[in-house]
Amino acid sequence: MQSKKATGKVEGIGSASGISLGRDTYALVSFSTGKDTVYFQGKDDDYQQSDIVPLRYQPKNPEDARIATFHSLWGNTIAYIGAPLLFLTIFFFAKDLVPHRSKILIGKKPFFKVIPPAKAAR
């Protein structure tokens, strides 16, 4: 599937309430597809009301439009791939963090526990 290019208008700046791990504000963007006007929440909060922004959308699902910036288009992909890759890279290159033949327990408390191997009796 190929996305289509369009331009949208920032209708306002919204804010999220509750516990948030990311940004608390977002741009509310509108654009036209034929006779319909579609509204969506942009991930970028670098815009002001009435700004014109480039965007991309799938013709079959225009509600899932994205502002055409690197962060909006690729941010989630980089986060979902980058975080596990960073974790694995650290454990691969820092072998002393987890001794050879150790057991790793994943639970509630502590979330991550390394149990060193038992020493052989002599």
PDB file of N, CA and C in Angstrom:
ATOM      1  N   MET A   1       0.830  -1.183   0.000  1.00  0.00           N
ATOM      2  CA  MET A   1       0.000   0.000   0.000  1.00  0.00           C
ATOM      3  C   MET A   1       0.874   1.245   0.000  1.00  0.00           C
ATOM      4  N   GLN A   2       0.453   2.206  -0.748  1.00  0.00           N
ATOM      5  CA  GLN A   2       1.186   3.458  -0.790  1.00  0.00           C
ATOM      6  C   GLN A   2       0.367   4.554  -0.146  1.00  0.00           C
ATOM      7  N   SER A   3       1.053   5.377   0.608  1.00  0.00           N
ATOM      8  CA  SER A   3       0.358   6.488   1.247  1.00  0.00           C
ATOM      9  C   SER A   3       0.259   7.655   0.281  1.00  0.00           C
ATOM     10  N   LYS A   4      -0.695   8.522   0.557  1.00  0.00           N
ATOM     11  CA  LYS A   4      -0.876   9.718  -0.250  1.00  0.00           C
ATOM     12  C   LYS A   4      -0.403  10.923   0.537  1.00  0.00           C
ATOM     13  N   LYS A   5       0.111  11.910  -0.195  1.00  0.00           N
ATOM     14  CA  LYS A   5       0.526  13.162   0.420  1.00  0.00           C
ATOM     15  C   LYS A   5      -0.661  14.112   0.458  1.00  0.00           C
ATOM     16  N   ALA A   6      -0.693  14.928   1.481  1.00  0.00           N
ATOM     17  CA  ALA A   6      -1.720  15.955   1.602  1.00  0.00           C
ATOM     18  C   ALA A   6      -1.181  17.046   2.522  1.00  0.00           C
ATOM     19  N   THR A   7      -1.926  18.112   2.630  1.00  0.00           N
ATOM     20  CA  THR A   7      -1.589  19.144   3.606  1.00  0.00           C
ATOM     21  C   THR A   7      -2.760  19.275   4.559  1.00  0.00           C
ATOM     22  N   GLY A   8      -2.442  19.536   5.794  1.00  0.00           N
ATOM     23  CA  GLY A   8      -3.466  19.685   6.810  1.00  0.00           C
ATOM     24  C   GLY A   8      -3.296  20.998   7.540  1.00  0.00           C
ATOM     25  N   LYS A   9      -4.259  21.310   8.359  1.00  0.00           N
ATOM     26  CA  LYS A   9      -4.234  22.541   9.139  1.00  0.00           C
ATOM     27  C   LYS A   9      -4.334  22.182  10.612  1.00  0.00           C
ATOM     28  N   VAL A  10      -3.480  22.801  11.424  1.00  0.00           N
ATOM     29  CA  VAL A  10      -3.534  22.587  12.867  1.00  0.00           C
ATOM     30  C   VAL A  10      -4.729  23.371  13.398  1.00  0.00           C
ATOM     31  N   GLU A  11      -5.724  22.648  13.878  1.00  0.00           N
ATOM     32  CA  GLU A  11      -6.951  23.278  14.379  1.00  0.00           C
ATOM     33  C   GLU A  11      -6.811  23.718  15.828  1.00  0.00           C
ATOM     34  N   GLY A  12      -5.905  23.093  16.532  1.00  0.00           N
ATOM     35  CA  GLY A  12      -5.699  23.453  17.929  1.00  0.00           C
ATOM     36  C   GLY A  12      -4.626  22.588  18.551  1.00  0.00           C
ATOM     37  N   ILE A  13      -4.289  22.907  19.780  1.00  0.00           N
ATOM     38  CA  ILE A  13      -3.308  22.137  20.533  1.00  0.00           C
ATOM     39  C   ILE A  13      -4.054  21.486  21.689  1.00  0.00           C
ATOM     40  N   GLY A  14      -4.014  20.168  21.740  1.00  0.00           N
ATOM     41  CA  GLY A  14      -4.690  19.424  22.793  1.00  0.00           C
ATOM     42  C   GLY A  14      -3.708  18.993  23.865  1.00  0.00           C
ATOM     43  N   SER A  15      -4.238  18.589  24.993  1.00  0.00           N
ATOM     44  CA  SER A  15      -3.376  18.076  26.056  1.00  0.00           C
ATOM     45  C   SER A  15      -4.001  16.814  26.626  1.00  0.00           C
ATOM     46  N   ALA A  16      -3.153  15.888  26.978  1.00  0.00           N
ATOM     47  CA  ALA A  16      -3.599  14.619  27.544  1.00  0.00           C
ATOM     48  C   ALA A  16      -3.638  14.749  29.057  1.00  0.00           C
ATOM     49  N   SER A  17      -4.578  14.071  29.678  1.00  0.00           N
ATOM     50  CA  SER A  17      -4.640  14.077  31.135  1.00  0.00           C
ATOM     51  C   SER A  17      -4.343  12.674  31.638  1.00  0.00           C
ATOM     52  N   GLY A  18      -3.870  12.588  32.857  1.00  0.00           N
ATOM     53  CA  GLY A  18      -3.544  11.292  33.428  1.00  0.00           C
ATOM     54  C   GLY A  18      -2.050  11.039  33.379  1.00  0.00           C
ATOM     55  N   ILE A  19      -1.687   9.806  33.644  1.00  0.00           N
ATOM     56  CA  ILE A  19      -0.276   9.428  33.660  1.00  0.00           C
ATOM     57  C   ILE A  19       0.206   9.290  32.226  1.00  0.00           C
ATOM     58  N   SER A  20       1.323   9.922  31.938  1.00  0.00           N
ATOM     59  CA  SER A  20       1.856   9.894  30.582  1.00  0.00           C
ATOM     60  C   SER A  20       3.341   9.607  30.619  1.00  0.00           C
ATOM     61  N   LEU A  21       3.793   8.763  29.719  1.00  0.00           N
ATOM     62  CA  LEU A  21       5.220   8.485  29.607  1.00  0.00           C
ATOM     63  C   LEU A  21       5.862   9.327  28.517  1.00  0.00           C
ATOM     64  N   GLY A  22       5.054   9.964  27.716  1.00  0.00           N
ATOM     65  CA  GLY A  22       5.574  10.763  26.612  1.00  0.00           C
ATOM     66  C   GLY A  22       5.090  12.196  26.711  1.00  0.00           C
ATOM     67  N   ARG A  23       4.862  12.773  25.561  1.00  0.00           N
ATOM     68  CA  ARG A  23       4.421  14.159  25.510  1.00  0.00           C
ATOM     69  C   ARG A  23       2.994  14.289  26.027  1.00  0.00           C
ATOM     70  N   ASP A  24       2.718  15.429  26.661  1.00  0.00           N
ATOM     71  CA  ASP A  24       1.389  15.680  27.191  1.00  0.00           C
ATOM     72  C   ASP A  24       0.533  16.516  26.250  1.00  0.00           C
ATOM     73  N   THR A  25       1.142  17.135  25.253  1.00  0.00           N
ATOM     74  CA  THR A  25       0.385  17.951  24.308  1.00  0.00           C
ATOM     75  C   THR A  25       0.537  17.392  22.902  1.00  0.00           C
ATOM     76  N   TYR A  26      -0.416  17.715  22.051  1.00  0.00           N
ATOM     77  CA  TYR A  26      -0.399  17.235  20.676  1.00  0.00           C
ATOM     78  C   TYR A  26      -1.129  18.235  19.800  1.00  0.00           C
ATOM     79  N   ALA A  27      -0.867  18.160  18.508  1.00  0.00           N
ATOM     80  CA  ALA A  27      -1.542  19.019  17.543  1.00  0.00           C
ATOM     81  C   ALA A  27      -2.785  18.299  17.027  1.00  0.00           C
ATOM     82  N   LEU A  28      -3.919  18.975  17.023  1.00  0.00           N
ATOM     83  CA  LEU A  28      -5.144  18.443  16.434  1.00  0.00           C
ATOM     84  C   LEU A  28      -5.182  18.955  14.997  1.00  0.00           C
ATOM     85  N   VAL A  29      -5.078  18.034  14.043  1.00  0.00           N
ATOM     86  CA  VAL A  29      -4.910  18.388  12.633  1.00  0.00           C
ATOM     87  C   VAL A  29      -6.134  17.944  11.841  1.00  0.00           C
ATOM     88  N   SER A  30      -6.525  18.767  10.869  1.00  0.00           N
ATOM     89  CA  SER A  30      -7.613  18.397   9.959  1.00  0.00           C
ATOM     90  C   SER A  30      -7.104  18.466   8.527  1.00  0.00           C
ATOM     91  N   PHE A  31      -7.689  17.623   7.672  1.00  0.00           N
ATOM     92  CA  PHE A  31      -7.393  17.674   6.241  1.00  0.00           C
ATOM     93  C   PHE A  31      -8.583  17.111   5.489  1.00  0.00           C
ATOM     94  N   SER A  32      -8.635  17.392   4.195  1.00  0.00           N
ATOM     95  CA  SER A  32      -9.768  16.965   3.373  1.00  0.00           C
ATOM     96  C   SER A  32      -9.381  15.808   2.475  1.00  0.00           C
ATOM     97  N   THR A  33     -10.290  14.850   2.370  1.00  0.00           N
ATOM     98  CA  THR A  33     -10.159  13.746   1.416  1.00  0.00           C
ATOM     99  C   THR A  33     -11.456  13.713   0.624  1.00  0.00           C
ATOM    100  N   GLY A  34     -11.440  14.310  -0.540  1.00  0.00           N
ATOM    101  CA  GLY A  34     -12.670  14.397  -1.326  1.00  0.00           C
ATOM    102  C   GLY A  34     -13.657  15.319  -0.643  1.00  0.00           C
ATOM    103  N   LYS A  35     -14.836  14.790  -0.289  1.00  0.00           N
ATOM    104  CA  LYS A  35     -15.876  15.578   0.372  1.00  0.00           C
ATOM    105  C   LYS A  35     -15.766  15.530   1.894  1.00  0.00           C
ATOM    106  N   ASP A  36     -14.937  14.645   2.412  1.00  0.00           N
ATOM    107  CA  ASP A  36     -14.837  14.452   3.856  1.00  0.00           C
ATOM    108  C   ASP A  36     -13.698  15.265   4.459  1.00  0.00           C
ATOM    109  N   THR A  37     -13.898  15.686   5.699  1.00  0.00           N
ATOM    110  CA  THR A  37     -12.841  16.308   6.490  1.00  0.00           C
ATOM    111  C   THR A  37     -12.481  15.334   7.599  1.00  0.00           C
ATOM    112  N   VAL A  38     -11.196  15.051   7.722  1.00  0.00           N
ATOM    113  CA  VAL A  38     -10.703  14.081   8.699  1.00  0.00           C
ATOM    114  C   VAL A  38      -9.901  14.825   9.757  1.00  0.00           C
ATOM    115  N   TYR A  39     -10.097  14.455  11.012  1.00  0.00           N
ATOM    116  CA  TYR A  39      -9.346  15.020  12.134  1.00  0.00           C
ATOM    117  C   TYR A  39      -8.512  13.909  12.766  1.00  0.00           C
ATOM    118  N   PHE A  40      -7.294  14.266  13.181  1.00  0.00           N
ATOM    119  CA  PHE A  40      -6.458  13.298  13.885  1.00  0.00           C
ATOM    120  C   PHE A  40      -5.511  14.030  14.818  1.00  0.00           C
ATOM    121  N   GLN A  41      -4.947  13.274  15.756  1.00  0.00           N
ATOM    122  CA  GLN A  41      -3.985  13.826  16.703  1.00  0.00           C
ATOM    123  C   GLN A  41      -2.580  13.597  16.173  1.00  0.00           C
ATOM    124  N   GLY A  42      -1.854  14.677  15.947  1.00  0.00           N
ATOM    125  CA  GLY A  42      -0.465  14.573  15.515  1.00  0.00           C
ATOM    126  C   GLY A  42       0.439  14.355  16.712  1.00  0.00           C
ATOM    127  N   LYS A  43       1.516  13.634  16.517  1.00  0.00           N
ATOM    128  CA  LYS A  43       2.442  13.363  17.617  1.00  0.00           C
ATOM    129  C   LYS A  43       3.328  14.559  17.931  1.00  0.00           C
ATOM    130  N   ASP A  44       3.492  15.443  16.979  1.00  0.00           N
ATOM    131  CA  ASP A  44       4.363  16.597  17.178  1.00  0.00           C
ATOM    132  C   ASP A  44       3.605  17.702  17.896  1.00  0.00           C
ATOM    133  N   ASP A  45       4.284  18.360  18.827  1.00  0.00           N
ATOM    134  CA  ASP A  45       3.671  19.511  19.479  1.00  0.00           C
ATOM    135  C   ASP A  45       4.460  20.778  19.160  1.00  0.00           C
ATOM    136  N   ASP A  46       5.168  20.760  18.043  1.00  0.00           N
ATOM    137  CA  ASP A  46       5.996  21.893  17.633  1.00  0.00           C
ATOM    138  C   ASP A  46       5.227  22.912  16.808  1.00  0.00           C
ATOM    139  N   TYR A  47       3.935  22.766  16.684  1.00  0.00           N
ATOM    140  CA  TYR A  47       3.149  23.623  15.805  1.00  0.00           C
ATOM    141  C   TYR A  47       2.238  24.540  16.602  1.00  0.00           C
ATOM    142  N   GLN A  48       1.812  25.603  15.936  1.00  0.00           N
ATOM    143  CA  GLN A  48       0.861  26.549  16.509  1.00  0.00           C
ATOM    144  C   GLN A  48      -0.468  26.392  15.790  1.00  0.00           C
ATOM    145  N   GLN A  49      -1.519  26.889  16.386  1.00  0.00           N
ATOM    146  CA  GLN A  49      -2.834  26.847  15.751  1.00  0.00           C
ATOM    147  C   GLN A  49      -2.785  27.591  14.417  1.00  0.00           C
ATOM    148  N   SER A  50      -3.442  27.042  13.414  1.00  0.00           N
ATOM    149  CA  SER A  50      -3.545  27.560  12.037  1.00  0.00           C
ATOM    150  C   SER A  50      -2.316  27.269  11.181  1.00  0.00           C
ATOM    151  N   ASP A  51      -1.307  26.580  11.704  1.00  0.00           N
ATOM    152  CA  ASP A  51      -0.158  26.190  10.874  1.00  0.00           C
ATOM    153  C   ASP A  51      -0.603  25.183   9.822  1.00  0.00           C
ATOM    154  N   ILE A  52      -0.001  25.259   8.651  1.00  0.00           N
ATOM    155  CA  ILE A  52      -0.232  24.282   7.589  1.00  0.00           C
ATOM    156  C   ILE A  52       0.885  23.246   7.685  1.00  0.00           C
ATOM    157  N   VAL A  53       0.518  21.967   7.730  1.00  0.00           N
ATOM    158  CA  VAL A  53       1.502  20.901   7.916  1.00  0.00           C
ATOM    159  C   VAL A  53       1.393  19.871   6.796  1.00  0.00           C
ATOM    160  N   PRO A  54       2.531  19.317   6.350  1.00  0.00           N
ATOM    161  CA  PRO A  54       2.486  18.217   5.382  1.00  0.00           C
ATOM    162  C   PRO A  54       2.120  16.931   6.112  1.00  0.00           C
ATOM    163  N   LEU A  55       1.389  16.066   5.444  1.00  0.00           N
ATOM    164  CA  LEU A  55       1.028  14.805   6.079  1.00  0.00           C
ATOM    165  C   LEU A  55       0.919  13.700   5.047  1.00  0.00           C
ATOM    166  N   ARG A  56       0.852  12.484   5.556  1.00  0.00           N
ATOM    167  CA  ARG A  56       0.675  11.293   4.723  1.00  0.00           C
ATOM    168  C   ARG A  56      -0.432  10.456   5.336  1.00  0.00           C
ATOM    169  N   TYR A  57      -1.228   9.810   4.460  1.00  0.00           N
ATOM    170  CA  TYR A  57      -2.327   8.978   4.939  1.00  0.00           C
ATOM    171  C   TYR A  57      -2.587   7.848   3.961  1.00  0.00           C
ATOM    172  N   GLN A  58      -3.200   6.787   4.467  1.00  0.00           N
ATOM    173  CA  GLN A  58      -3.625   5.668   3.636  1.00  0.00           C
ATOM    174  C   GLN A  58      -5.035   5.966   3.133  1.00  0.00           C
ATOM    175  N   PRO A  59      -5.287   5.878   1.834  1.00  0.00           N
ATOM    176  CA  PRO A  59      -6.625   6.182   1.310  1.00  0.00           C
ATOM    177  C   PRO A  59      -7.737   5.339   1.938  1.00  0.00           C
ATOM    178  N   LYS A  60      -7.437   4.092   2.311  1.00  0.00           N
ATOM    179  CA  LYS A  60      -8.466   3.234   2.911  1.00  0.00           C
ATOM    180  C   LYS A  60      -8.660   3.491   4.404  1.00  0.00           C
ATOM    181  N   ASN A  61      -7.728   4.206   5.025  1.00  0.00           N
ATOM    182  CA  ASN A  61      -7.823   4.499   6.457  1.00  0.00           C
ATOM    183  C   ASN A  61      -7.272   5.901   6.735  1.00  0.00           C
ATOM    184  N   PRO A  62      -7.954   6.948   6.283  1.00  0.00           N
ATOM    185  CA  PRO A  62      -7.414   8.302   6.441  1.00  0.00           C
ATOM    186  C   PRO A  62      -7.344   8.769   7.899  1.00  0.00           C
ATOM    187  N   GLU A  63      -8.084   8.135   8.811  1.00  0.00           N
ATOM    188  CA  GLU A  63      -8.034   8.524  10.220  1.00  0.00           C
ATOM    189  C   GLU A  63      -6.680   8.214  10.850  1.00  0.00           C
ATOM    190  N   ASP A  64      -5.903   7.343  10.227  1.00  0.00           N
ATOM    191  CA  ASP A  64      -4.578   6.980  10.732  1.00  0.00           C
ATOM    192  C   ASP A  64      -3.493   7.814  10.050  1.00  0.00           C
ATOM    193  N   ALA A  65      -3.798   9.066   9.761  1.00  0.00           N
ATOM    194  CA  ALA A  65      -2.841   9.953   9.097  1.00  0.00           C
ATOM    195  C   ALA A  65      -1.716  10.326  10.055  1.00  0.00           C
ATOM    196  N   ARG A  66      -0.594  10.732   9.485  1.00  0.00           N
ATOM    197  CA  ARG A  66       0.578  11.155  10.260  1.00  0.00           C
ATOM    198  C   ARG A  66       1.126  12.440   9.668  1.00  0.00           C
ATOM    199  N   ILE A  67       1.591  13.330  10.538  1.00  0.00           N
ATOM    200  CA  ILE A  67       2.308  14.502  10.059  1.00  0.00           C
ATOM    201  C   ILE A  67       3.598  13.994   9.437  1.00  0.00           C
ATOM    202  N   ALA A  68       3.957  14.525   8.279  1.00  0.00           N
ATOM    203  CA  ALA A  68       5.097  14.003   7.516  1.00  0.00           C
ATOM    204  C   ALA A  68       6.421  14.549   8.044  1.00  0.00           C
ATOM    205  N   THR A  69       6.760  14.164   9.271  1.00  0.00           N
ATOM    206  CA  THR A  69       8.073  14.450   9.832  1.00  0.00           C
ATOM    207  C   THR A  69       8.710  13.119  10.212  1.00  0.00           C
ATOM    208  N   PHE A  70      10.014  13.122  10.352  1.00  0.00           N
ATOM    209  CA  PHE A  70      10.724  11.891  10.689  1.00  0.00           C
ATOM    210  C   PHE A  70      10.193  11.299  11.995  1.00  0.00           C
ATOM    211  N   HIS A  71      10.033  12.129  13.009  1.00  0.00           N
ATOM    212  CA  HIS A  71       9.570  11.650  14.318  1.00  0.00           C
ATOM    213  C   HIS A  71       8.184  11.015  14.231  1.00  0.00           C
ATOM    214  N   SER A  72       7.269  11.653  13.529  1.00  0.00           N
ATOM    215  CA  SER A  72       5.904  11.123  13.443  1.00  0.00           C
ATOM    216  C   SER A  72       5.831   9.828  12.648  1.00  0.00           C
ATOM    217  N   LEU A  73       6.605   9.756  11.572  1.00  0.00           N
ATOM    218  CA  LEU A  73       6.539   8.579  10.708  1.00  0.00           C
ATOM    219  C   LEU A  73       7.323   7.392  11.257  1.00  0.00           C
ATOM    220  N   TRP A  74       8.472   7.646  11.876  1.00  0.00           N
ATOM    221  CA  TRP A  74       9.363   6.560  12.267  1.00  0.00           C
ATOM    222  C   TRP A  74       9.625   6.446  13.761  1.00  0.00           C
ATOM    223  N   GLY A  75       9.088   7.338  14.577  1.00  0.00           N
ATOM    224  CA  GLY A  75       9.382   7.346  16.014  1.00  0.00           C
ATOM    225  C   GLY A  75       9.045   6.050  16.723  1.00  0.00           C
ATOM    226  N   ASN A  76       7.836   5.534  16.509  1.00  0.00           N
ATOM    227  CA  ASN A  76       7.446   4.282  17.175  1.00  0.00           C
ATOM    228  C   ASN A  76       8.300   3.110  16.717  1.00  0.00           C
ATOM    229  N   THR A  77       8.583   3.044  15.427  1.00  0.00           N
ATOM    230  CA  THR A  77       9.397   1.945  14.902  1.00  0.00           C
ATOM    231  C   THR A  77      10.778   1.945  15.537  1.00  0.00           C
ATOM    232  N   ILE A  78      11.386   3.111  15.616  1.00  0.00           N
ATOM    233  CA  ILE A  78      12.719   3.210  16.213  1.00  0.00           C
ATOM    234  C   ILE A  78      12.675   2.840  17.692  1.00  0.00           C
ATOM    235  N   ALA A  79      11.653   3.278  18.398  1.00  0.00           N
ATOM    236  CA  ALA A  79      11.548   2.956  19.825  1.00  0.00           C
ATOM    237  C   ALA A  79      11.348   1.460  20.047  1.00  0.00           C
ATOM    238  N   TYR A  80      10.465   0.842  19.264  1.00  0.00           N
ATOM    239  CA  TYR A  80      10.176  -0.577  19.451  1.00  0.00           C
ATOM    240  C   TYR A  80      11.341  -1.470  19.035  1.00  0.00           C
ATOM    241  N   ILE A  81      12.150  -1.031  18.103  1.00  0.00           N
ATOM    242  CA  ILE A  81      13.320  -1.806  17.699  1.00  0.00           C
ATOM    243  C   ILE A  81      14.540  -1.402  18.513  1.00  0.00           C
ATOM    244  N   GLY A  82      14.682  -0.111  18.764  1.00  0.00           N
ATOM    245  CA  GLY A  82      15.876   0.412  19.422  1.00  0.00           C
ATOM    246  C   GLY A  82      16.035  -0.011  20.864  1.00  0.00           C
ATOM    247  N   ALA A  83      14.957  -0.002  21.633  1.00  0.00           N
ATOM    248  CA  ALA A  83      15.061  -0.343  23.054  1.00  0.00           C
ATOM    249  C   ALA A  83      15.519  -1.792  23.258  1.00  0.00           C
ATOM    250  N   PRO A  84      14.879  -2.785  22.630  1.00  0.00           N
ATOM    251  CA  PRO A  84      15.379  -4.156  22.800  1.00  0.00           C
ATOM    252  C   PRO A  84      16.785  -4.348  22.228  1.00  0.00           C
ATOM    253  N   LEU A  85      17.077  -3.676  21.128  1.00  0.00           N
ATOM    254  CA  LEU A  85      18.405  -3.794  20.531  1.00  0.00           C
ATOM    255  C   LEU A  85      19.470  -3.226  21.465  1.00  0.00           C
ATOM    256  N   LEU A  86      19.184  -2.111  22.105  1.00  0.00           N
ATOM    257  CA  LEU A  86      20.115  -1.529  23.068  1.00  0.00           C
ATOM    258  C   LEU A  86      20.321  -2.479  24.245  1.00  0.00           C
ATOM    259  N   PHE A  87      19.244  -3.052  24.748  1.00  0.00           N
ATOM    260  CA  PHE A  87      19.308  -3.998  25.863  1.00  0.00           C
ATOM    261  C   PHE A  87      20.178  -5.204  25.500  1.00  0.00           C
ATOM    262  N   LEU A  88      19.935  -5.796  24.342  1.00  0.00           N
ATOM    263  CA  LEU A  88      20.712  -6.962  23.910  1.00  0.00           C
ATOM    264  C   LEU A  88      22.171  -6.610  23.651  1.00  0.00           C
ATOM    265  N   THR A  89      22.421  -5.439  23.100  1.00  0.00           N
ATOM    266  CA  THR A  89      23.797  -5.010  22.831  1.00  0.00           C
ATOM    267  C   THR A  89      24.574  -4.853  24.129  1.00  0.00           C
ATOM    268  N   ILE A  90      23.959  -4.260  25.135  1.00  0.00           N
ATOM    269  CA  ILE A  90      24.640  -4.095  26.425  1.00  0.00           C
ATOM    270  C   ILE A  90      24.990  -5.456  27.012  1.00  0.00           C
ATOM    271  N   PHE A  91      24.051  -6.393  26.995  1.00  0.00           N
ATOM    272  CA  PHE A  91      24.328  -7.715  27.549  1.00  0.00           C
ATOM    273  C   PHE A  91      25.324  -8.502  26.709  1.00  0.00           C
ATOM    274  N   PHE A  92      25.369  -8.249  25.414  1.00  0.00           N
ATOM    275  CA  PHE A  92      26.321  -8.952  24.553  1.00  0.00           C
ATOM    276  C   PHE A  92      27.742  -8.465  24.804  1.00  0.00           C
ATOM    277  N   PHE A  93      27.933  -7.150  24.907  1.00  0.00           N
ATOM    278  CA  PHE A  93      29.279  -6.605  25.052  1.00  0.00           C
ATOM    279  C   PHE A  93      29.742  -6.507  26.504  1.00  0.00           C
ATOM    280  N   ALA A  94      28.843  -6.505  27.458  1.00  0.00           N
ATOM    281  CA  ALA A  94      29.218  -6.427  28.867  1.00  0.00           C
ATOM    282  C   ALA A  94      28.916  -7.773  29.518  1.00  0.00           C
ATOM    283  N   LYS A  95      29.716  -8.749  29.196  1.00  0.00           N
ATOM    284  CA  LYS A  95      29.462 -10.119  29.646  1.00  0.00           C
ATOM    285  C   LYS A  95      29.563 -10.277  31.162  1.00  0.00           C
ATOM    286  N   ASP A  96      30.256  -9.373  31.845  1.00  0.00           N
ATOM    287  CA  ASP A  96      30.368  -9.492  33.292  1.00  0.00           C
ATOM    288  C   ASP A  96      29.080  -9.093  34.014  1.00  0.00           C
ATOM    289  N   LEU A  97      28.121  -8.507  33.334  1.00  0.00           N
ATOM    290  CA  LEU A  97      26.835  -8.185  33.958  1.00  0.00           C
ATOM    291  C   LEU A  97      26.061  -9.451  34.311  1.00  0.00           C
ATOM    292  N   VAL A  98      26.128 -10.435  33.443  1.00  0.00           N
ATOM    293  CA  VAL A  98      25.464 -11.717  33.678  1.00  0.00           C
ATOM    294  C   VAL A  98      26.518 -12.806  33.534  1.00  0.00           C
ATOM    295  N   PRO A  99      26.984 -13.378  34.657  1.00  0.00           N
ATOM    296  CA  PRO A  99      28.016 -14.421  34.580  1.00  0.00           C
ATOM    297  C   PRO A  99      27.551 -15.634  33.773  1.00  0.00           C
ATOM    298  N   HIS A 100      28.509 -16.338  33.196  1.00  0.00           N
ATOM    299  CA  HIS A 100      28.227 -17.521  32.387  1.00  0.00           C
ATOM    300  C   HIS A 100      27.457 -18.552  33.209  1.00  0.00           C
ATOM    301  N   ARG A 101      26.460 -19.176  32.615  1.00  0.00           N
ATOM    302  CA  ARG A 101      25.602 -20.202  33.205  1.00  0.00           C
ATOM    303  C   ARG A 101      24.724 -19.684  34.348  1.00  0.00           C
ATOM    304  N   SER A 102      24.510 -18.386  34.403  1.00  0.00           N
ATOM    305  CA  SER A 102      23.605 -17.825  35.413  1.00  0.00           C
ATOM    306  C   SER A 102      22.167 -18.046  34.979  1.00  0.00           C
ATOM    307  N   LYS A 103      21.284 -18.016  35.949  1.00  0.00           N
ATOM    308  CA  LYS A 103      19.856 -18.077  35.655  1.00  0.00           C
ATOM    309  C   LYS A 103      19.296 -16.669  35.784  1.00  0.00           C
ATOM    310  N   ILE A 104      18.362 -16.357  34.927  1.00  0.00           N
ATOM    311  CA  ILE A 104      17.712 -15.051  34.974  1.00  0.00           C
ATOM    312  C   ILE A 104      16.245 -15.278  35.297  1.00  0.00           C
ATOM    313  N   LEU A 105      15.803 -14.684  36.400  1.00  0.00           N
ATOM    314  CA  LEU A 105      14.406 -14.783  36.800  1.00  0.00           C
ATOM    315  C   LEU A 105      13.710 -13.461  36.514  1.00  0.00           C
ATOM    316  N   ILE A 106      12.559 -13.543  35.903  1.00  0.00           N
ATOM    317  CA  ILE A 106      11.769 -12.349  35.644  1.00  0.00           C
ATOM    318  C   ILE A 106      10.482 -12.490  36.432  1.00  0.00           C
ATOM    319  N   GLY A 107      10.249 -11.564  37.333  1.00  0.00           N
ATOM    320  CA  GLY A 107       9.070 -11.621  38.180  1.00  0.00           C
ATOM    321  C   GLY A 107       8.599 -10.232  38.535  1.00  0.00           C
ATOM    322  N   LYS A 108       7.789 -10.164  39.595  1.00  0.00           N
ATOM    323  CA  LYS A 108       7.243  -8.868  39.990  1.00  0.00           C
ATOM    324  C   LYS A 108       8.255  -8.054  40.781  1.00  0.00           C
ATOM    325  N   LYS A 109       8.782  -8.594  41.866  1.00  0.00           N
ATOM    326  CA  LYS A 109       9.773  -7.876  42.663  1.00  0.00           C
ATOM    327  C   LYS A 109      10.888  -8.827  43.009  1.00  0.00           C
ATOM    328  N   PRO A 110      12.088  -8.608  42.700  1.00  0.00           N
ATOM    329  CA  PRO A 110      12.525  -7.613  41.717  1.00  0.00           C
ATOM    330  C   PRO A 110      12.119  -8.069  40.321  1.00  0.00           C
ATOM    331  N   PHE A 111      11.946  -7.130  39.439  1.00  0.00           N
ATOM    332  CA  PHE A 111      11.494  -7.474  38.095  1.00  0.00           C
ATOM    333  C   PHE A 111      12.510  -8.345  37.365  1.00  0.00           C
ATOM    334  N   PHE A 112      13.784  -8.105  37.600  1.00  0.00           N
ATOM    335  CA  PHE A 112      14.845  -8.792  36.877  1.00  0.00           C
ATOM    336  C   PHE A 112      15.901  -9.194  37.900  1.00  0.00           C
ATOM    337  N   LYS A 113      16.167 -10.493  38.052  1.00  0.00           N
ATOM    338  CA  LYS A 113      17.129 -10.962  39.045  1.00  0.00           C
ATOM    339  C   LYS A 113      18.063 -11.976  38.404  1.00  0.00           C
ATOM    340  N   VAL A 114      19.365 -11.783  38.623  1.00  0.00           N
ATOM    341  CA  VAL A 114      20.381 -12.702  38.106  1.00  0.00           C
ATOM    342  C   VAL A 114      20.854 -13.575  39.257  1.00  0.00           C
ATOM    343  N   ILE A 115      20.762 -14.894  39.084  1.00  0.00           N
ATOM    344  CA  ILE A 115      21.207 -15.848  40.099  1.00  0.00           C
ATOM    345  C   ILE A 115      22.481 -16.499  39.579  1.00  0.00           C
ATOM    346  N   PRO A 116      23.629 -16.223  40.236  1.00  0.00           N
ATOM    347  CA  PRO A 116      24.891 -16.798  39.761  1.00  0.00           C
ATOM    348  C   PRO A 116      24.881 -18.316  39.879  1.00  0.00           C
ATOM    349  N   PRO A 117      25.671 -18.989  39.052  1.00  0.00           N
ATOM    350  CA  PRO A 117      25.714 -20.453  39.115  1.00  0.00           C
ATOM    351  C   PRO A 117      26.320 -20.918  40.439  1.00  0.00           C
ATOM    352  N   ALA A 118      25.871 -22.089  40.894  1.00  0.00           N
ATOM    353  CA  ALA A 118      26.403 -22.662  42.131  1.00  0.00           C
ATOM    354  C   ALA A 118      27.824 -23.139  41.884  1.00  0.00           C
ATOM    355  N   LYS A 119      28.678 -22.918  42.871  1.00  0.00           N
ATOM    356  CA  LYS A 119      30.066 -23.358  42.741  1.00  0.00           C
ATOM    357  C   LYS A 119      30.139 -24.855  42.993  1.00  0.00           C
ATOM    358  N   ALA A 120      30.965 -25.522  42.220  1.00  0.00           N
ATOM    359  CA  ALA A 120      31.110 -26.975  42.350  1.00  0.00           C
ATOM    360  C   ALA A 120      31.844 -27.303  43.647  1.00  0.00           C
ATOM    361  N   ALA A 121      31.380 -28.345  44.353  1.00  0.00           N
ATOM    362  CA  ALA A 121      32.018 -28.780  45.600  1.00  0.00           C
ATOM    363  C   ALA A 121      33.289 -29.535  45.269  1.00  0.00           C
ATOM    364  N   ARG A 122      34.307 -29.356  46.101  1.00  0.00           N
ATOM    365  CA  ARG A 122      35.588 -30.034  45.854  1.00  0.00           C
ATOM    366  C   ARG A 122      35.841 -31.080  46.871  1.00  0.00           C
TER     367      ARG A 122
END
